[in-house]
C-alpha cells in the first residue's frame, strides 16, 4: 500500500485513476497500485472468495454486543506501517480476517474476540522441500504448537538459487490443528499446489503460530533450496 499525502481536494476521491485505486477505512484515506491477477478465478482464489462472503454474512448475523466487542478490539489493536506509524482495522474487518484464519486450519468462526497479545513467531529448527516428493516437512521444538496453538504454513517458489525474495504472493500450503510432536509433513499438499518442482528452485516459507480461536502473530520466515 502506498503512503500518500492527501489534501482537501482529493480526500474524498474513490475508484481507480491512472493505475491508482483510492479508498478509505476507519484509519483514513489510502491508495494502492491497481493490478489485475493473471488468473482471478483459480480454485484457491474462488475458494477464498466463498469463505470471505460467508464470513461477511456471518458478521451481519452476530449479536450487536458481539459486534461491539469486535469494534472495541479493533480500536485497541495497532497494526504498524512498514515506514512507521500505525493503523486500525474495524471490528468487521477483524472478524472476517480472524474467521478466514480459522478456516485455514478447518476451525469454525468464533462470535466474540478474546483479548490477548499476538503469539510470538515459532522457532523452526529445520525446513526441507524435496523434488522427489519424499521429504517435505519442517521441524520445531517441543510445545511450539499445541495444545493452544495451530500451525499455518505458507510457501512461495522462486526459479533460481540466487533469489532472496519470493516472487508474488506466498500461498497457504497447510493449516494443522495443534500438531503434536516436533515435525509436520506437508508433502501431499505441497505437490497439489505446485506440481513438479526441480532442484534449481528455492522455497520461501512463512510459518505462523495461531491461537485456537484464530489470532495470528508474526511468522517465522526463511528459505531453503529444493533438494533432490
Protein backbone atom coordinates (compact mmCIF):
# COMPACT_ATOMS: atom_id res chain seq x y z
CA UNK A 1 0.00 0.00 0.00
CA UNK A 2 1.38 3.41 -0.97
CA UNK A 3 1.68 6.26 1.52
CA UNK A 4 0.13 9.39 0.07
CA UNK A 5 -0.28 12.89 1.41
CA UNK A 6 -3.83 13.91 0.52
CA UNK A 7 -5.18 17.41 0.52
CA UNK A 8 -8.77 18.56 0.84
CA UNK A 9 -9.34 18.28 -2.91
CA UNK A 10 -8.68 14.54 -3.19
CA UNK A 11 -9.50 13.32 0.30
CA UNK A 12 -12.91 12.13 -0.92
CA UNK A 13 -11.60 10.50 -4.10
CA UNK A 14 -12.74 6.92 -4.69
CA UNK A 15 -12.10 4.48 -7.51
CA UNK A 16 -9.17 3.95 -9.88
CA UNK A 17 -7.37 6.81 -11.62
CA UNK A 18 -4.16 6.41 -13.61
CA UNK A 19 -3.45 2.99 -12.17
CA UNK A 20 -4.00 4.07 -8.54
CA UNK A 21 -7.02 2.90 -6.56
CA UNK A 22 -8.26 5.35 -3.92
CA UNK A 23 -10.29 4.18 -0.95
CA UNK A 24 -10.76 4.75 2.78
CA UNK A 25 -11.44 2.91 6.02
CA UNK A 26 -11.57 3.84 9.69
CA UNK A 27 -7.84 4.53 9.61
CA UNK A 28 -8.39 7.21 6.97
CA UNK A 29 -7.91 7.59 3.19
CA UNK A 30 -5.39 5.40 1.39
CA UNK A 31 -4.45 4.29 -2.11
CA UNK A 32 -2.68 1.36 -3.73
CA UNK A 33 -1.46 0.42 -7.19
CA UNK A 34 -4.20 -1.33 -9.15
CA UNK A 35 -3.17 -4.69 -10.61
CA UNK A 36 -5.08 -7.44 -12.38
CA UNK A 37 -4.34 -11.03 -11.48
CA UNK A 38 -3.12 -13.25 -14.30
CA UNK A 39 -5.97 -15.61 -13.42
CA UNK A 40 -8.51 -14.23 -10.99
CA UNK A 41 -10.57 -17.43 -10.95
CA UNK A 42 -8.19 -20.11 -9.75
CA UNK A 43 -9.62 -22.75 -7.42
CA UNK A 44 -7.70 -21.23 -4.50
CA UNK A 45 -8.95 -17.69 -5.15
CA UNK A 46 -12.53 -18.84 -5.76
CA UNK A 47 -12.49 -20.80 -2.51
CA UNK A 48 -11.23 -17.80 -0.59
CA UNK A 49 -13.96 -15.60 -2.06
CA UNK A 50 -16.60 -18.07 -0.89
CA UNK A 51 -15.13 -18.14 2.64
CA UNK A 52 -14.91 -14.34 2.71
CA UNK A 53 -18.54 -13.99 1.56
CA UNK A 54 -19.76 -16.49 4.17
CA UNK A 55 -17.87 -14.75 6.96
CA UNK A 56 -19.13 -11.32 5.91
CA UNK A 57 -22.70 -12.62 6.12
CA UNK A 58 -21.94 -14.20 9.49
CA UNK A 59 -20.91 -10.75 10.78
CA UNK A 60 -24.31 -9.37 9.88
CA UNK A 61 -25.91 -12.17 11.89
CA UNK A 62 -23.81 -11.54 15.01
CA UNK A 63 -25.41 -10.23 18.20
CA UNK A 64 -24.90 -6.43 18.48
CA UNK A 65 -23.00 -6.99 21.73
CA UNK A 66 -20.50 -9.26 19.97
CA UNK A 67 -20.11 -6.74 17.16
CA UNK A 68 -19.38 -4.06 19.78
CA UNK A 69 -16.70 -6.33 21.33
CA UNK A 70 -15.01 -6.73 17.95
CA UNK A 71 -15.13 -2.96 17.40
CA UNK A 72 -13.53 -2.42 20.81
CA UNK A 73 -10.84 -4.97 19.98
CA UNK A 74 -10.13 -3.37 16.62
CA UNK A 75 -9.78 0.07 18.22
CA UNK A 76 -7.29 -1.34 20.75
CA UNK A 77 -5.00 -3.16 18.29
CA UNK A 78 -2.41 -1.11 16.43
CA UNK A 79 -1.09 -2.51 13.13
CA UNK A 80 2.28 -0.96 12.17
CA UNK A 81 3.05 0.51 8.77
CA UNK A 82 6.46 -0.58 7.33
CA UNK A 83 7.51 3.08 7.18
CA UNK A 84 6.43 3.91 10.74
CA UNK A 85 3.16 4.81 12.39
CA UNK A 86 0.19 2.50 12.64
CA UNK A 87 -3.43 2.00 11.66
CA UNK A 88 -6.51 0.19 12.98
CA UNK A 89 -8.97 -2.26 11.45
CA UNK A 90 -12.68 -2.07 12.14
CA UNK A 91 -14.43 -4.76 14.14
CA UNK A 92 -15.94 -6.11 10.92
CA UNK A 93 -12.51 -6.35 9.27
CA UNK A 94 -11.04 -8.13 12.30
CA UNK A 95 -13.94 -10.57 12.50
CA UNK A 96 -13.65 -11.53 8.82
CA UNK A 97 -9.85 -11.75 8.99
CA UNK A 98 -9.96 -13.87 12.14
CA UNK A 99 -12.67 -16.13 10.66
CA UNK A 100 -10.59 -16.58 7.49
CA UNK A 101 -7.59 -17.54 9.64
CA UNK A 102 -9.68 -20.11 11.50
CA UNK A 103 -10.96 -21.52 8.20
CA UNK A 104 -7.34 -22.06 7.08
CA UNK A 105 -7.00 -24.79 9.74
CA UNK A 106 -10.55 -26.10 9.46
CA UNK A 107 -11.98 -24.38 12.54
CA UNK A 108 -15.36 -22.61 12.69
CA UNK A 109 -15.55 -18.86 13.39
CA UNK A 110 -15.94 -17.55 16.93
CA UNK A 111 -18.61 -15.00 17.85
CA UNK A 112 -16.57 -12.88 20.27
CA UNK A 113 -12.85 -12.00 20.37
CA UNK A 114 -10.51 -12.99 23.17
CA UNK A 115 -8.24 -10.09 24.05
CA UNK A 116 -4.57 -11.09 24.28
CA UNK A 117 -1.15 -10.22 22.90
CA UNK A 118 -0.20 -11.67 19.49
CA UNK A 119 1.57 -15.06 19.51
CA UNK A 120 5.33 -14.88 19.02
CA UNK A 121 6.88 -16.44 15.93
CA UNK A 122 7.66 -20.17 16.25
CA UNK A 123 11.22 -21.46 16.31
CA UNK A 124 11.85 -23.61 13.22
CA UNK A 125 14.86 -25.92 13.64
CA UNK A 126 14.82 -27.42 10.11
CA UNK A 127 12.85 -26.99 6.89
CA UNK A 128 13.08 -29.27 3.87
CA UNK A 129 11.48 -29.45 0.43
CA UNK A 130 12.28 -32.43 -1.82
CA UNK A 131 11.79 -32.59 -5.60
CA UNK A 132 11.21 -36.32 -5.36
CA UNK A 133 8.17 -35.83 -3.08
CA UNK A 134 9.84 -37.93 -0.39
CA UNK A 135 10.63 -35.40 2.34
CA UNK A 136 8.66 -32.15 2.54
CA UNK A 137 8.49 -31.25 6.21
CA UNK A 138 9.70 -28.90 8.90
CA UNK A 139 10.90 -29.45 12.45
CA UNK A 140 10.32 -27.37 15.56
CA UNK A 141 10.86 -27.57 19.29
CA UNK A 142 8.57 -29.41 21.66
CA UNK A 143 5.45 -27.39 22.61
CA UNK A 144 5.95 -24.81 19.84
CA UNK A 145 2.41 -25.74 18.76
CA UNK A 146 -0.48 -27.35 20.62
CA UNK A 147 -2.47 -27.59 22.76
CA UNK A 148 -3.18 -23.84 22.43
CA UNK A 149 -1.65 -23.13 19.02
CA UNK A 150 -2.32 -24.30 15.47
CA UNK A 151 0.33 -24.29 12.73
CA UNK A 152 -0.08 -22.40 9.45
CA UNK A 153 2.45 -22.89 6.63
CA UNK A 154 2.82 -20.68 3.55
CA UNK A 155 5.38 -21.30 0.82
CA UNK A 156 6.45 -19.46 -2.32
CA UNK A 157 8.77 -20.86 -5.00
CA UNK A 158 11.45 -18.97 -6.91
CA UNK A 159 13.18 -20.27 -10.06
CA UNK A 160 16.83 -19.97 -9.06
CA UNK A 161 19.08 -20.17 -6.02
CA UNK A 162 20.10 -16.55 -6.47
CA UNK A 163 16.66 -15.26 -5.46
CA UNK A 164 16.30 -13.75 -1.99
CA UNK A 165 12.58 -12.97 -2.02
CA UNK A 166 9.52 -14.94 -3.01
CA UNK A 167 8.00 -13.78 -6.32
CA UNK A 168 4.44 -12.61 -5.80
CA UNK A 169 2.01 -13.84 -3.13
CA UNK A 170 3.00 -16.71 -0.85
CA UNK A 171 0.10 -19.20 -0.88
CA UNK A 172 -1.21 -21.18 2.05
CA UNK A 173 0.14 -24.72 1.90
CA UNK A 174 -1.26 -26.30 5.02
CA UNK A 175 -3.01 -25.49 8.25
CA UNK A 176 -2.81 -28.01 11.06
CA UNK A 177 -4.75 -28.04 14.31
CA UNK A 178 -2.45 -28.24 17.36
CA UNK A 179 0.10 -30.60 15.76
CA UNK A 180 1.79 -32.92 18.24
CA UNK A 181 5.45 -33.94 18.26
CA UNK A 182 8.29 -31.91 16.78
CA UNK A 183 7.73 -32.14 12.99
CA UNK A 184 4.97 -31.64 10.44
CA UNK A 185 4.80 -33.18 6.96
CA UNK A 186 3.22 -31.19 4.12
CA UNK A 187 4.29 -33.31 1.13
CA UNK A 188 0.83 -34.07 -0.27
CA UNK A 189 -0.47 -30.53 -0.10
CA UNK A 190 2.79 -29.04 -1.43
CA UNK A 191 2.65 -31.03 -4.67
CA UNK A 192 -1.08 -30.41 -5.03
CA UNK A 193 -0.30 -26.68 -5.14
CA UNK A 194 2.98 -26.58 -7.09
CA UNK A 195 3.06 -29.82 -9.07
CA UNK A 196 6.53 -30.96 -10.14
CA UNK A 197 9.48 -28.95 -8.80
CA UNK A 198 13.19 -29.05 -9.61
CA UNK A 199 16.41 -28.73 -7.63
CA UNK A 200 17.20 -25.34 -9.15
CA UNK A 201 14.29 -23.79 -7.25
CA UNK A 202 14.25 -22.09 -3.86
CA UNK A 203 11.36 -22.32 -1.40
CA UNK A 204 10.49 -19.34 0.81
CA UNK A 205 8.41 -20.14 3.86
CA UNK A 206 6.32 -18.42 6.48
CA UNK A 207 5.19 -20.44 9.48
CA UNK A 208 2.68 -18.95 11.94
CA UNK A 209 1.61 -19.91 15.41
CA UNK A 210 -2.13 -19.32 15.50
CA UNK A 211 -4.26 -19.41 18.61
CA UNK A 212 -7.05 -21.97 18.59
CA UNK A 213 -9.58 -19.11 18.46
CA UNK A 214 -7.82 -17.54 15.49
CA UNK A 215 -5.38 -14.77 16.45
CA UNK A 216 -2.12 -14.95 14.49
CA UNK A 217 1.17 -13.21 15.26
CA UNK A 218 4.39 -12.65 13.31
CA UNK A 219 5.68 -15.59 11.23
CA UNK A 220 8.96 -17.44 11.26
CA UNK A 221 10.46 -16.81 7.81
CA UNK A 222 13.32 -18.18 5.78
CA UNK A 223 14.21 -20.05 2.62
CA UNK A 224 15.70 -23.40 1.58
CA UNK A 225 16.91 -24.74 -1.74
CA UNK A 226 14.90 -27.66 -3.11
CA UNK A 227 16.85 -30.90 -2.69
CA UNK A 228 16.69 -34.00 -4.96
